[in-house]
Amino acid sequence: MTTPAHTLVHYAPPLDPWLDVLHQDEHILVLSKQSGLLSVPGKGEHLADCLEARAQEAYPEARTVHRLDRDTSGVVIMAMTKDAHRHLGLQFERRKTEKTYIANVYGQVRDDVGRISQPLICDWPNRPRQMIDHERGREAITFWQVIERGETSTRMCLKPETGRSHQLRVHMLHLGHPILGDNFYGSEQSRDAAPRLMLHAESLTVHHPSDGERMTFHSPCPF
């Protein structure tokens, strides 16, 4: 029996810190999201606690521009005005942003660098799982580089050119090295090898909505 995508029976988001602010001005709010916290509310009161709700408690005008998976941590930018929301949204849509992720994956990756181009589509009966589909999928591109190799895992730098749902998780699975702690796509061994999804959005580069200045925001990797 398939569990509905919105069902998170044991949702217990981290409480400390309640909100980790990296930068704030009259146009943008930049936060570091913790693993285990939804970006936006889910369906039902038990899923109301999320990054968006916490941000809007302190900054009522803050508006979501993009999201990270619940179990992914790292940099998230929100807009403080309608113009900033439109400006940032277009940057993500037109691939004018730069995103860098750190991931620990299962096994030893053979090559040092690579590029994955595998189109993705929602695996509807098993949503929110995504799958590769060369006929109906949307273009998805990820560049990767090995940082360090361990005995049973590899530390990777991932740079997605596109921003599809679960893109990095599915692309690492396609590479043959699922991300440690991934309950959706990993094997039993890779799932049990870490206490959380070992995926962190370490940096985000955008053009500031007010003057177009290119700015990079960092969140140190917690693992």
N, C-alpha and C. Protein backbone atom coordinates (compact mmCIF):
# COMPACT_ATOMS: atom_id res chain seq x y z
N MET A 1 0.84 -1.19 0.00
CA MET A 1 0.00 0.00 0.00
C MET A 1 0.87 1.24 0.00
N THR A 2 0.61 2.17 -0.89
CA THR A 2 1.40 3.38 -1.01
C THR A 2 0.95 4.41 0.01
N THR A 3 1.91 5.00 0.73
CA THR A 3 1.59 6.05 1.69
C THR A 3 1.50 7.38 0.96
N PRO A 4 0.43 8.18 1.16
CA PRO A 4 0.32 9.47 0.49
C PRO A 4 1.51 10.35 0.77
N ALA A 5 1.84 11.19 -0.21
CA ALA A 5 3.04 12.00 -0.12
C ALA A 5 3.02 12.93 1.07
N HIS A 6 1.83 13.43 1.46
CA HIS A 6 1.78 14.44 2.50
C HIS A 6 1.78 13.83 3.90
N THR A 7 1.77 12.50 4.00
CA THR A 7 1.70 11.86 5.30
C THR A 7 3.08 11.75 5.93
N LEU A 8 3.29 12.53 7.00
CA LEU A 8 4.52 12.45 7.78
C LEU A 8 4.10 12.15 9.21
N VAL A 9 4.04 10.88 9.52
CA VAL A 9 3.45 10.45 10.78
C VAL A 9 4.26 10.94 11.97
N HIS A 10 5.57 10.92 11.85
CA HIS A 10 6.42 11.25 13.00
C HIS A 10 7.18 12.54 12.75
N TYR A 11 6.49 13.57 12.31
CA TYR A 11 7.14 14.86 12.04
C TYR A 11 7.45 15.56 13.35
N ALA A 12 8.73 15.66 13.66
CA ALA A 12 9.18 16.32 14.88
C ALA A 12 10.35 17.22 14.53
N PRO A 13 10.09 18.41 13.99
CA PRO A 13 11.16 19.29 13.51
C PRO A 13 12.05 19.78 14.63
N PRO A 14 13.30 20.06 14.34
CA PRO A 14 14.22 20.58 15.35
C PRO A 14 13.78 21.96 15.83
N LEU A 15 14.05 22.26 17.09
CA LEU A 15 13.57 23.50 17.70
C LEU A 15 14.70 24.49 18.03
N ASP A 16 15.94 24.03 17.98
CA ASP A 16 17.05 24.89 18.37
C ASP A 16 18.18 24.78 17.36
N PRO A 17 18.48 25.87 16.65
CA PRO A 17 17.86 27.19 16.77
C PRO A 17 16.49 27.23 16.10
N TRP A 18 15.63 28.07 16.59
CA TRP A 18 14.30 28.20 16.01
C TRP A 18 14.38 28.79 14.60
N LEU A 19 15.24 29.80 14.43
CA LEU A 19 15.43 30.44 13.12
C LEU A 19 16.87 30.91 13.04
N ASP A 20 17.59 30.45 12.02
CA ASP A 20 19.00 30.78 11.84
C ASP A 20 19.13 31.76 10.68
N VAL A 21 19.28 33.04 11.01
CA VAL A 21 19.33 34.11 10.00
C VAL A 21 20.78 34.37 9.58
N LEU A 22 21.05 34.24 8.29
CA LEU A 22 22.38 34.51 7.76
C LEU A 22 22.53 35.94 7.28
N HIS A 23 21.42 36.51 6.77
CA HIS A 23 21.44 37.89 6.24
C HIS A 23 20.01 38.39 6.14
N GLN A 24 19.84 39.69 6.41
CA GLN A 24 18.51 40.29 6.26
C GLN A 24 18.66 41.75 5.90
N ASP A 25 17.91 42.17 4.89
CA ASP A 25 17.81 43.60 4.57
C ASP A 25 16.39 43.86 4.08
N GLU A 26 16.13 45.03 3.55
CA GLU A 26 14.74 45.36 3.19
C GLU A 26 14.24 44.60 1.98
N HIS A 27 15.13 43.89 1.28
CA HIS A 27 14.74 43.19 0.06
C HIS A 27 14.75 41.66 0.21
N ILE A 28 15.70 41.14 0.99
CA ILE A 28 15.86 39.69 1.08
C ILE A 28 16.09 39.23 2.52
N LEU A 29 15.75 37.98 2.76
CA LEU A 29 16.01 37.30 4.03
C LEU A 29 16.69 35.98 3.69
N VAL A 30 17.88 35.75 4.23
CA VAL A 30 18.63 34.54 3.94
C VAL A 30 18.75 33.72 5.22
N LEU A 31 18.35 32.46 5.15
CA LEU A 31 18.28 31.60 6.31
C LEU A 31 19.08 30.32 6.09
N SER A 32 19.42 29.68 7.19
CA SER A 32 19.98 28.33 7.12
C SER A 32 18.95 27.38 7.70
N LYS A 33 18.42 26.51 6.85
CA LYS A 33 17.39 25.57 7.28
C LYS A 33 18.03 24.31 7.85
N GLN A 34 17.42 23.81 8.93
CA GLN A 34 17.91 22.58 9.53
C GLN A 34 17.30 21.35 8.85
N SER A 35 18.04 20.26 8.89
CA SER A 35 17.50 18.99 8.42
C SER A 35 16.32 18.59 9.31
N GLY A 36 15.24 18.13 8.69
CA GLY A 36 14.06 17.70 9.44
C GLY A 36 12.97 18.74 9.51
N LEU A 37 13.22 19.95 8.99
CA LEU A 37 12.23 21.02 9.00
C LEU A 37 11.68 21.23 7.59
N LEU A 38 10.37 21.21 7.45
CA LEU A 38 9.75 21.50 6.16
C LEU A 38 10.04 22.93 5.74
N SER A 39 10.14 23.17 4.44
CA SER A 39 10.31 24.53 3.93
C SER A 39 9.00 25.30 3.99
N VAL A 40 7.91 24.64 3.63
CA VAL A 40 6.57 25.25 3.64
C VAL A 40 5.62 24.28 4.33
N PRO A 41 4.44 24.75 4.75
CA PRO A 41 3.53 23.85 5.48
C PRO A 41 3.09 22.66 4.65
N GLY A 42 2.90 21.54 5.33
CA GLY A 42 2.30 20.38 4.70
C GLY A 42 0.79 20.40 4.92
N LYS A 43 0.13 19.32 4.56
CA LYS A 43 -1.32 19.24 4.73
C LYS A 43 -1.64 18.74 6.13
N GLY A 44 -2.37 19.54 6.87
CA GLY A 44 -2.72 19.16 8.24
C GLY A 44 -2.01 20.03 9.26
N GLU A 45 -2.68 20.25 10.40
CA GLU A 45 -2.12 21.11 11.43
C GLU A 45 -0.80 20.58 11.98
N HIS A 46 -0.62 19.26 11.98
CA HIS A 46 0.61 18.69 12.52
C HIS A 46 1.81 18.98 11.64
N LEU A 47 1.58 19.52 10.43
CA LEU A 47 2.67 19.86 9.52
C LEU A 47 2.76 21.37 9.30
N ALA A 48 2.20 22.14 10.22
CA ALA A 48 2.17 23.60 10.06
C ALA A 48 3.52 24.24 10.36
N ASP A 49 4.28 23.64 11.28
CA ASP A 49 5.58 24.19 11.63
C ASP A 49 6.54 23.99 10.46
N CYS A 50 7.13 25.08 9.99
CA CYS A 50 8.01 25.02 8.83
C CYS A 50 8.88 26.27 8.81
N LEU A 51 9.84 26.30 7.92
CA LEU A 51 10.73 27.45 7.81
C LEU A 51 9.96 28.71 7.46
N GLU A 52 9.02 28.61 6.53
CA GLU A 52 8.24 29.77 6.13
C GLU A 52 7.47 30.36 7.30
N ALA A 53 6.80 29.51 8.08
CA ALA A 53 6.00 29.98 9.21
C ALA A 53 6.89 30.63 10.26
N ARG A 54 8.03 30.03 10.54
CA ARG A 54 8.94 30.60 11.53
C ARG A 54 9.48 31.95 11.06
N ALA A 55 9.83 32.03 9.78
CA ALA A 55 10.34 33.29 9.24
C ALA A 55 9.29 34.39 9.32
N GLN A 56 8.05 34.03 9.00
CA GLN A 56 6.99 35.04 8.97
C GLN A 56 6.56 35.48 10.36
N GLU A 57 6.90 34.70 11.40
CA GLU A 57 6.67 35.17 12.76
C GLU A 57 7.52 36.40 13.06
N ALA A 58 8.75 36.37 12.60
CA ALA A 58 9.68 37.48 12.83
C ALA A 58 9.65 38.51 11.72
N TYR A 59 9.37 38.08 10.50
CA TYR A 59 9.36 38.96 9.33
C TYR A 59 8.09 38.67 8.54
N PRO A 60 6.96 39.29 8.91
CA PRO A 60 5.65 38.96 8.30
C PRO A 60 5.62 39.10 6.78
N GLU A 61 6.48 39.95 6.24
CA GLU A 61 6.46 40.19 4.79
C GLU A 61 7.27 39.16 4.01
N ALA A 62 8.00 38.27 4.68
CA ALA A 62 8.86 37.30 4.00
C ALA A 62 8.04 36.33 3.14
N ARG A 63 8.51 36.09 1.93
CA ARG A 63 7.80 35.22 0.99
C ARG A 63 8.77 34.16 0.44
N THR A 64 8.29 32.94 0.36
CA THR A 64 9.11 31.83 -0.13
C THR A 64 9.41 31.98 -1.62
N VAL A 65 10.66 31.75 -1.99
CA VAL A 65 11.10 31.82 -3.39
C VAL A 65 11.41 30.41 -3.91
N HIS A 66 12.08 29.62 -3.10
CA HIS A 66 12.45 28.25 -3.49
C HIS A 66 12.42 27.40 -2.23
N ARG A 67 12.62 26.09 -2.38
CA ARG A 67 12.52 25.19 -1.25
C ARG A 67 13.69 24.22 -1.22
N LEU A 68 13.93 23.71 -0.02
CA LEU A 68 14.79 22.54 0.16
C LEU A 68 13.93 21.41 0.70
N ASP A 69 14.29 20.18 0.36
CA ASP A 69 13.60 19.03 0.93
C ASP A 69 13.63 19.10 2.45
N ARG A 70 12.66 18.49 3.08
CA ARG A 70 12.59 18.48 4.55
C ARG A 70 13.91 18.04 5.17
N ASP A 71 14.52 16.99 4.62
CA ASP A 71 15.70 16.41 5.26
C ASP A 71 17.02 17.01 4.78
N THR A 72 16.95 17.95 3.83
CA THR A 72 18.13 18.66 3.37
C THR A 72 18.30 19.93 4.20
N SER A 73 19.52 20.23 4.58
CA SER A 73 19.81 21.45 5.33
C SER A 73 20.49 22.46 4.42
N GLY A 74 20.59 23.72 4.92
CA GLY A 74 21.38 24.70 4.19
C GLY A 74 20.68 25.99 3.82
N VAL A 75 21.29 26.71 2.88
CA VAL A 75 20.91 28.09 2.56
C VAL A 75 19.58 28.15 1.82
N VAL A 76 18.71 29.02 2.33
CA VAL A 76 17.43 29.32 1.68
C VAL A 76 17.26 30.82 1.64
N ILE A 77 16.85 31.37 0.51
CA ILE A 77 16.60 32.80 0.40
C ILE A 77 15.11 33.06 0.26
N MET A 78 14.62 34.10 0.95
CA MET A 78 13.23 34.52 0.86
C MET A 78 13.20 35.98 0.45
N ALA A 79 12.08 36.40 -0.13
CA ALA A 79 11.93 37.78 -0.59
C ALA A 79 11.14 38.59 0.44
N MET A 80 11.51 39.86 0.57
CA MET A 80 10.84 40.74 1.53
C MET A 80 9.85 41.69 0.87
N THR A 81 9.86 41.71 -0.47
CA THR A 81 8.91 42.55 -1.22
C THR A 81 8.42 41.79 -2.44
N LYS A 82 7.34 42.27 -3.04
CA LYS A 82 6.82 41.63 -4.25
C LYS A 82 7.82 41.73 -5.40
N ASP A 83 8.47 42.89 -5.53
CA ASP A 83 9.45 43.06 -6.60
C ASP A 83 10.63 42.11 -6.41
N ALA A 84 11.09 41.98 -5.17
CA ALA A 84 12.21 41.07 -4.90
C ALA A 84 11.80 39.63 -5.18
N HIS A 85 10.55 39.28 -4.86
CA HIS A 85 10.06 37.92 -5.11
C HIS A 85 10.07 37.62 -6.61
N ARG A 86 9.61 38.57 -7.40
CA ARG A 86 9.59 38.39 -8.85
C ARG A 86 11.03 38.30 -9.39
N HIS A 87 11.89 39.18 -8.92
CA HIS A 87 13.28 39.24 -9.38
C HIS A 87 14.01 37.93 -9.07
N LEU A 88 13.88 37.46 -7.85
CA LEU A 88 14.55 36.22 -7.46
C LEU A 88 13.96 35.02 -8.18
N GLY A 89 12.63 35.00 -8.31
CA GLY A 89 11.98 33.90 -9.00
C GLY A 89 12.47 33.75 -10.43
N LEU A 90 12.67 34.87 -11.11
CA LEU A 90 13.17 34.83 -12.48
C LEU A 90 14.61 34.33 -12.53
N GLN A 91 15.40 34.67 -11.51
CA GLN A 91 16.78 34.19 -11.48
C GLN A 91 16.83 32.67 -11.39
N PHE A 92 15.98 32.10 -10.52
CA PHE A 92 15.94 30.64 -10.42
C PHE A 92 15.43 30.03 -11.72
N GLU A 93 14.40 30.63 -12.28
CA GLU A 93 13.79 30.10 -13.51
C GLU A 93 14.77 30.14 -14.68
N ARG A 94 15.56 31.22 -14.76
CA ARG A 94 16.48 31.41 -15.89
C ARG A 94 17.89 30.91 -15.60
N ARG A 95 18.05 30.21 -14.50
CA ARG A 95 19.33 29.60 -14.12
C ARG A 95 20.43 30.64 -13.94
N LYS A 96 20.10 31.74 -13.31
CA LYS A 96 21.07 32.79 -13.02
C LYS A 96 21.67 32.65 -11.63
N THR A 97 21.19 31.69 -10.86
CA THR A 97 21.73 31.45 -9.53
C THR A 97 22.81 30.37 -9.60
N GLU A 98 23.62 30.29 -8.57
CA GLU A 98 24.59 29.20 -8.45
C GLU A 98 24.41 28.56 -7.09
N LYS A 99 24.31 27.23 -7.07
CA LYS A 99 24.08 26.50 -5.82
C LYS A 99 25.17 25.43 -5.67
N THR A 100 25.70 25.35 -4.47
CA THR A 100 26.70 24.33 -4.17
C THR A 100 26.23 23.50 -2.97
N TYR A 101 26.24 22.19 -3.14
CA TYR A 101 25.83 21.27 -2.09
C TYR A 101 26.99 20.37 -1.70
N ILE A 102 26.99 19.95 -0.45
CA ILE A 102 27.90 18.93 0.02
C ILE A 102 27.08 17.67 0.31
N ALA A 103 27.58 16.53 -0.14
CA ALA A 103 26.87 15.27 0.09
C ALA A 103 27.88 14.18 0.41
N ASN A 104 27.51 13.32 1.33
CA ASN A 104 28.25 12.08 1.58
C ASN A 104 27.46 10.94 0.95
N VAL A 105 28.08 10.24 0.03
CA VAL A 105 27.38 9.18 -0.71
C VAL A 105 27.98 7.82 -0.38
N TYR A 106 27.21 6.80 -0.66
CA TYR A 106 27.60 5.42 -0.34
C TYR A 106 28.61 4.89 -1.34
N GLY A 107 29.65 4.26 -0.85
CA GLY A 107 30.63 3.64 -1.72
C GLY A 107 31.71 4.60 -2.18
N GLN A 108 32.66 4.09 -2.94
CA GLN A 108 33.75 4.91 -3.47
C GLN A 108 33.48 5.26 -4.92
N VAL A 109 33.30 6.54 -5.18
CA VAL A 109 33.07 7.01 -6.55
C VAL A 109 34.38 6.89 -7.33
N ARG A 110 34.31 6.31 -8.49
CA ARG A 110 35.52 5.98 -9.24
C ARG A 110 36.20 7.22 -9.83
N ASP A 111 35.46 8.03 -10.59
CA ASP A 111 36.05 9.19 -11.24
C ASP A 111 36.13 10.37 -10.26
N ASP A 112 36.84 11.41 -10.70
CA ASP A 112 37.01 12.59 -9.84
C ASP A 112 35.96 13.66 -10.10
N VAL A 113 35.52 13.79 -11.34
CA VAL A 113 34.53 14.80 -11.70
C VAL A 113 33.58 14.19 -12.73
N GLY A 114 32.42 14.80 -12.87
CA GLY A 114 31.48 14.31 -13.87
C GLY A 114 30.27 15.20 -14.02
N ARG A 115 29.47 14.86 -15.01
CA ARG A 115 28.24 15.60 -15.30
C ARG A 115 27.13 14.58 -15.53
N ILE A 116 25.99 14.80 -14.88
CA ILE A 116 24.84 13.91 -15.06
C ILE A 116 23.72 14.70 -15.71
N SER A 117 23.22 14.19 -16.82
CA SER A 117 22.07 14.79 -17.50
C SER A 117 21.01 13.71 -17.68
N GLN A 118 20.08 13.66 -16.74
CA GLN A 118 19.03 12.65 -16.75
C GLN A 118 17.70 13.32 -16.40
N PRO A 119 16.75 13.34 -17.35
CA PRO A 119 15.48 14.05 -17.13
C PRO A 119 14.62 13.38 -16.06
N LEU A 120 13.92 14.20 -15.30
CA LEU A 120 13.16 13.70 -14.14
C LEU A 120 11.67 14.01 -14.26
N ILE A 121 10.89 13.10 -13.69
CA ILE A 121 9.44 13.27 -13.62
C ILE A 121 8.96 12.63 -12.32
N CYS A 122 7.83 13.09 -11.83
CA CYS A 122 7.29 12.52 -10.60
C CYS A 122 6.84 11.08 -10.84
N ASP A 123 7.22 10.19 -9.95
CA ASP A 123 6.75 8.81 -9.95
C ASP A 123 5.39 8.83 -9.25
N TRP A 124 4.36 9.16 -10.00
CA TRP A 124 3.08 9.57 -9.41
C TRP A 124 2.49 8.59 -8.40
N PRO A 125 2.44 7.29 -8.67
CA PRO A 125 1.88 6.36 -7.67
C PRO A 125 2.69 6.33 -6.37
N ASN A 126 3.96 6.75 -6.44
CA ASN A 126 4.83 6.71 -5.27
C ASN A 126 5.31 8.11 -4.88
N ARG A 127 4.54 9.13 -5.25
CA ARG A 127 4.94 10.50 -4.94
C ARG A 127 5.17 10.69 -3.44
N PRO A 128 6.15 11.50 -3.04
CA PRO A 128 6.87 12.47 -3.88
C PRO A 128 8.14 11.93 -4.55
N ARG A 129 8.30 10.63 -4.63
CA ARG A 129 9.46 10.07 -5.33
C ARG A 129 9.51 10.57 -6.77
N GLN A 130 10.71 10.80 -7.25
CA GLN A 130 10.93 11.18 -8.64
C GLN A 130 11.65 10.04 -9.35
N MET A 131 11.57 10.05 -10.68
CA MET A 131 12.26 9.00 -11.44
C MET A 131 12.76 9.57 -12.76
N ILE A 132 13.73 8.89 -13.34
CA ILE A 132 14.27 9.28 -14.64
C ILE A 132 13.34 8.78 -15.73
N ASP A 133 13.00 9.68 -16.64
CA ASP A 133 12.10 9.34 -17.75
C ASP A 133 12.56 10.13 -18.97
N HIS A 134 13.12 9.44 -19.96
CA HIS A 134 13.69 10.12 -21.12
C HIS A 134 12.63 10.58 -22.11
N GLU A 135 11.42 10.14 -21.97
CA GLU A 135 10.34 10.55 -22.88
C GLU A 135 9.55 11.72 -22.33
N ARG A 136 9.23 11.67 -21.03
CA ARG A 136 8.36 12.70 -20.45
C ARG A 136 9.04 13.59 -19.42
N GLY A 137 10.24 13.23 -19.01
CA GLY A 137 10.92 13.96 -17.94
C GLY A 137 11.41 15.33 -18.36
N ARG A 138 11.59 16.21 -17.34
CA ARG A 138 12.11 17.55 -17.56
C ARG A 138 13.64 17.52 -17.41
N GLU A 139 14.30 18.33 -18.20
CA GLU A 139 15.76 18.36 -18.19
C GLU A 139 16.29 18.58 -16.78
N ALA A 140 17.29 17.79 -16.40
CA ALA A 140 17.92 17.91 -15.09
C ALA A 140 19.41 17.64 -15.25
N ILE A 141 20.24 18.62 -14.81
CA ILE A 141 21.68 18.54 -15.01
C ILE A 141 22.40 18.80 -13.69
N THR A 142 23.33 17.93 -13.36
CA THR A 142 24.13 18.07 -12.14
C THR A 142 25.60 17.87 -12.46
N PHE A 143 26.43 18.80 -12.00
CA PHE A 143 27.88 18.64 -12.06
C PHE A 143 28.36 18.18 -10.69
N TRP A 144 29.33 17.28 -10.66
CA TRP A 144 29.82 16.77 -9.38
C TRP A 144 31.33 16.65 -9.37
N GLN A 145 31.88 16.70 -8.16
CA GLN A 145 33.32 16.56 -7.98
C GLN A 145 33.57 15.88 -6.65
N VAL A 146 34.50 14.94 -6.65
CA VAL A 146 34.87 14.25 -5.42
C VAL A 146 35.73 15.17 -4.56
N ILE A 147 35.38 15.27 -3.27
CA ILE A 147 36.18 16.03 -2.30
C ILE A 147 37.12 15.10 -1.55
N GLU A 148 36.58 13.97 -1.11
CA GLU A 148 37.37 13.05 -0.30
C GLU A 148 36.76 11.66 -0.37
N ARG A 149 37.60 10.65 -0.39
CA ARG A 149 37.13 9.27 -0.39
C ARG A 149 37.44 8.61 0.94
N GLY A 150 36.44 7.94 1.52
CA GLY A 150 36.64 7.16 2.72
C GLY A 150 36.59 5.69 2.39
N GLU A 151 36.59 4.85 3.41
CA GLU A 151 36.58 3.41 3.19
C GLU A 151 35.27 2.93 2.59
N THR A 152 34.15 3.52 3.05
CA THR A 152 32.83 3.06 2.59
C THR A 152 31.97 4.18 2.02
N SER A 153 32.50 5.39 1.95
CA SER A 153 31.70 6.52 1.45
C SER A 153 32.60 7.54 0.75
N THR A 154 31.98 8.45 0.04
CA THR A 154 32.69 9.50 -0.69
C THR A 154 32.03 10.85 -0.41
N ARG A 155 32.84 11.83 -0.13
CA ARG A 155 32.33 13.19 0.09
C ARG A 155 32.36 13.92 -1.25
N MET A 156 31.22 14.53 -1.62
CA MET A 156 31.06 15.11 -2.94
C MET A 156 30.66 16.58 -2.86
N CYS A 157 31.09 17.34 -3.86
CA CYS A 157 30.58 18.69 -4.11
C CYS A 157 29.65 18.59 -5.31
N LEU A 158 28.39 19.00 -5.13
CA LEU A 158 27.39 18.89 -6.18
C LEU A 158 26.91 20.28 -6.59
N LYS A 159 26.87 20.53 -7.90
CA LYS A 159 26.41 21.82 -8.41
C LYS A 159 25.29 21.57 -9.42
N PRO A 160 24.04 21.70 -8.98
CA PRO A 160 22.92 21.50 -9.91
C PRO A 160 22.73 22.71 -10.83
N GLU A 161 22.65 22.45 -12.12
CA GLU A 161 22.37 23.53 -13.08
C GLU A 161 20.87 23.79 -13.14
N THR A 162 20.09 22.74 -12.91
CA THR A 162 18.63 22.86 -12.85
C THR A 162 18.20 22.61 -11.40
N GLY A 163 16.93 22.83 -11.12
CA GLY A 163 16.45 22.70 -9.75
C GLY A 163 15.23 21.81 -9.63
N ARG A 164 15.31 20.61 -10.15
CA ARG A 164 14.18 19.68 -10.08
C ARG A 164 14.05 19.07 -8.69
N SER A 165 12.85 18.70 -8.34
CA SER A 165 12.58 18.07 -7.06
C SER A 165 13.39 16.77 -6.94
N HIS A 166 14.09 16.62 -5.82
CA HIS A 166 14.90 15.43 -5.51
C HIS A 166 15.99 15.18 -6.54
N GLN A 167 16.37 16.22 -7.31
CA GLN A 167 17.33 16.02 -8.40
C GLN A 167 18.64 15.39 -7.94
N LEU A 168 19.24 15.94 -6.90
CA LEU A 168 20.54 15.43 -6.47
C LEU A 168 20.43 14.01 -5.92
N ARG A 169 19.34 13.73 -5.25
CA ARG A 169 19.15 12.41 -4.67
C ARG A 169 19.00 11.35 -5.76
N VAL A 170 18.21 11.65 -6.80
CA VAL A 170 18.01 10.69 -7.89
C VAL A 170 19.27 10.57 -8.75
N HIS A 171 19.94 11.70 -8.99
CA HIS A 171 21.14 11.65 -9.81
C HIS A 171 22.27 10.88 -9.13
N MET A 172 22.40 11.01 -7.81
CA MET A 172 23.41 10.22 -7.11
C MET A 172 23.06 8.73 -7.15
N LEU A 173 21.77 8.42 -7.04
CA LEU A 173 21.34 7.03 -7.18
C LEU A 173 21.69 6.51 -8.57
N HIS A 174 21.45 7.32 -9.60
CA HIS A 174 21.77 6.94 -10.98
C HIS A 174 23.27 6.69 -11.13
N LEU A 175 24.08 7.46 -10.41
CA LEU A 175 25.53 7.29 -10.46
C LEU A 175 25.96 5.98 -9.80
N GLY A 176 25.03 5.40 -9.02
CA GLY A 176 25.34 4.17 -8.32
C GLY A 176 25.80 4.38 -6.89
N HIS A 177 25.61 5.64 -6.39
CA HIS A 177 26.09 6.00 -5.06
C HIS A 177 25.04 6.85 -4.35
N PRO A 178 23.99 6.23 -3.80
CA PRO A 178 22.94 7.00 -3.13
C PRO A 178 23.50 7.79 -1.95
N ILE A 179 22.86 8.91 -1.65
CA ILE A 179 23.29 9.74 -0.53
C ILE A 179 23.01 9.01 0.77
N LEU A 180 23.95 9.05 1.68
CA LEU A 180 23.79 8.39 2.97
C LEU A 180 22.57 8.95 3.71
N GLY A 181 21.82 8.05 4.35
CA GLY A 181 20.66 8.47 5.11
C GLY A 181 19.43 8.78 4.29
N ASP A 182 19.45 8.49 2.99
CA ASP A 182 18.31 8.79 2.13
C ASP A 182 17.26 7.69 2.24
N ASN A 183 16.14 8.02 2.89
CA ASN A 183 15.08 7.03 3.11
C ASN A 183 14.25 6.75 1.87
N PHE A 184 14.29 7.64 0.88
CA PHE A 184 13.52 7.46 -0.34
C PHE A 184 14.25 6.60 -1.37
N TYR A 185 15.53 6.85 -1.56
CA TYR A 185 16.23 6.27 -2.70
C TYR A 185 17.39 5.34 -2.33
N GLY A 186 17.74 5.30 -1.06
CA GLY A 186 18.90 4.51 -0.67
C GLY A 186 18.58 3.04 -0.44
N SER A 187 19.64 2.25 -0.39
CA SER A 187 19.54 0.85 0.01
C SER A 187 19.50 0.79 1.53
N GLU A 188 19.25 -0.39 2.07
CA GLU A 188 19.24 -0.53 3.52
C GLU A 188 20.60 -0.14 4.11
N GLN A 189 21.66 -0.51 3.43
CA GLN A 189 22.99 -0.20 3.94
C GLN A 189 23.25 1.30 3.92
N SER A 190 22.90 1.98 2.83
CA SER A 190 23.16 3.42 2.74
C SER A 190 22.23 4.21 3.66
N ARG A 191 21.01 3.73 3.83
CA ARG A 191 20.07 4.41 4.74
C ARG A 191 20.55 4.35 6.17
N ASP A 192 21.07 3.21 6.57
CA ASP A 192 21.46 3.01 7.96
C ASP A 192 22.85 3.56 8.26
N ALA A 193 23.53 4.06 7.25
CA ALA A 193 24.92 4.51 7.43
C ALA A 193 25.02 5.92 8.00
N ALA A 194 23.90 6.62 8.16
CA ALA A 194 23.93 7.99 8.67
C ALA A 194 22.64 8.29 9.42
N PRO A 195 22.69 9.19 10.41
CA PRO A 195 21.51 9.51 11.21
C PRO A 195 20.54 10.47 10.53
N ARG A 196 20.95 11.03 9.40
CA ARG A 196 20.12 11.98 8.65
C ARG A 196 20.52 11.90 7.18
N LEU A 197 19.76 12.59 6.32
CA LEU A 197 20.15 12.71 4.92
C LEU A 197 21.41 13.58 4.86
N MET A 198 22.47 13.03 4.33
CA MET A 198 23.75 13.74 4.31
C MET A 198 23.85 14.60 3.05
N LEU A 199 22.98 15.61 3.01
CA LEU A 199 22.94 16.55 1.90
C LEU A 199 22.73 17.95 2.47
N HIS A 200 23.62 18.87 2.11
CA HIS A 200 23.59 20.22 2.69
C HIS A 200 23.83 21.25 1.60
N ALA A 201 22.95 22.25 1.52
CA ALA A 201 23.11 23.37 0.59
C ALA A 201 24.09 24.36 1.20
N GLU A 202 25.34 24.25 0.81
CA GLU A 202 26.41 25.02 1.46
C GLU A 202 26.45 26.48 1.04
N SER A 203 26.15 26.77 -0.22
CA SER A 203 26.20 28.16 -0.68
C SER A 203 25.16 28.43 -1.76
N LEU A 204 24.77 29.68 -1.83
CA LEU A 204 23.83 30.14 -2.85
C LEU A 204 24.28 31.51 -3.32
N THR A 205 24.43 31.66 -4.64
CA THR A 205 24.82 32.93 -5.23
C THR A 205 23.67 33.48 -6.06
N VAL A 206 23.32 34.74 -5.80
CA VAL A 206 22.23 35.40 -6.52
C VAL A 206 22.64 36.83 -6.84
N HIS A 207 21.86 37.46 -7.71
CA HIS A 207 21.98 38.90 -7.95
C HIS A 207 21.00 39.59 -6.99
N HIS A 208 21.51 40.53 -6.20
CA HIS A 208 20.63 41.21 -5.25
C HIS A 208 19.54 41.96 -5.99
N PRO A 209 18.29 41.80 -5.57
CA PRO A 209 17.17 42.41 -6.30
C PRO A 209 17.22 43.93 -6.40
N SER A 210 17.91 44.59 -5.49
CA SER A 210 17.91 46.06 -5.49
C SER A 210 18.83 46.66 -6.53
N ASP A 211 20.03 46.08 -6.70
CA ASP A 211 21.02 46.70 -7.59
C ASP A 211 21.74 45.70 -8.50
N GLY A 212 21.38 44.43 -8.42
CA GLY A 212 21.98 43.43 -9.29
C GLY A 212 23.33 42.94 -8.83
N GLU A 213 23.83 43.44 -7.68
CA GLU A 213 25.12 42.99 -7.19
C GLU A 213 25.09 41.49 -6.93
N ARG A 214 26.15 40.81 -7.36
CA ARG A 214 26.22 39.36 -7.17
C ARG A 214 26.70 39.08 -5.75
N MET A 215 25.90 38.29 -5.01
CA MET A 215 26.20 38.01 -3.62
C MET A 215 26.14 36.51 -3.37
N THR A 216 27.05 36.02 -2.55
CA THR A 216 27.07 34.61 -2.19
C THR A 216 26.88 34.46 -0.69
N PHE A 217 25.99 33.57 -0.31
CA PHE A 217 25.69 33.31 1.09
C PHE A 217 26.10 31.87 1.42
N HIS A 218 26.72 31.70 2.60
CA HIS A 218 27.26 30.41 3.00
C HIS A 218 26.62 29.93 4.29
N SER A 219 26.46 28.62 4.38
CA SER A 219 26.07 27.95 5.62
C SER A 219 27.01 26.78 5.81
N PRO A 220 27.84 26.80 6.86
CA PRO A 220 28.82 25.73 7.06
C PRO A 220 28.14 24.36 7.14
N CYS A 221 28.76 23.38 6.52
CA CYS A 221 28.18 22.02 6.52
C CYS A 221 28.24 21.45 7.93
N PRO A 222 27.13 20.94 8.44
CA PRO A 222 27.09 20.44 9.83
C PRO A 222 27.57 19.00 9.99
N PHE A 223 27.99 18.36 8.89
CA PHE A 223 28.47 16.98 9.02
C PHE A 223 29.78 16.77 8.29
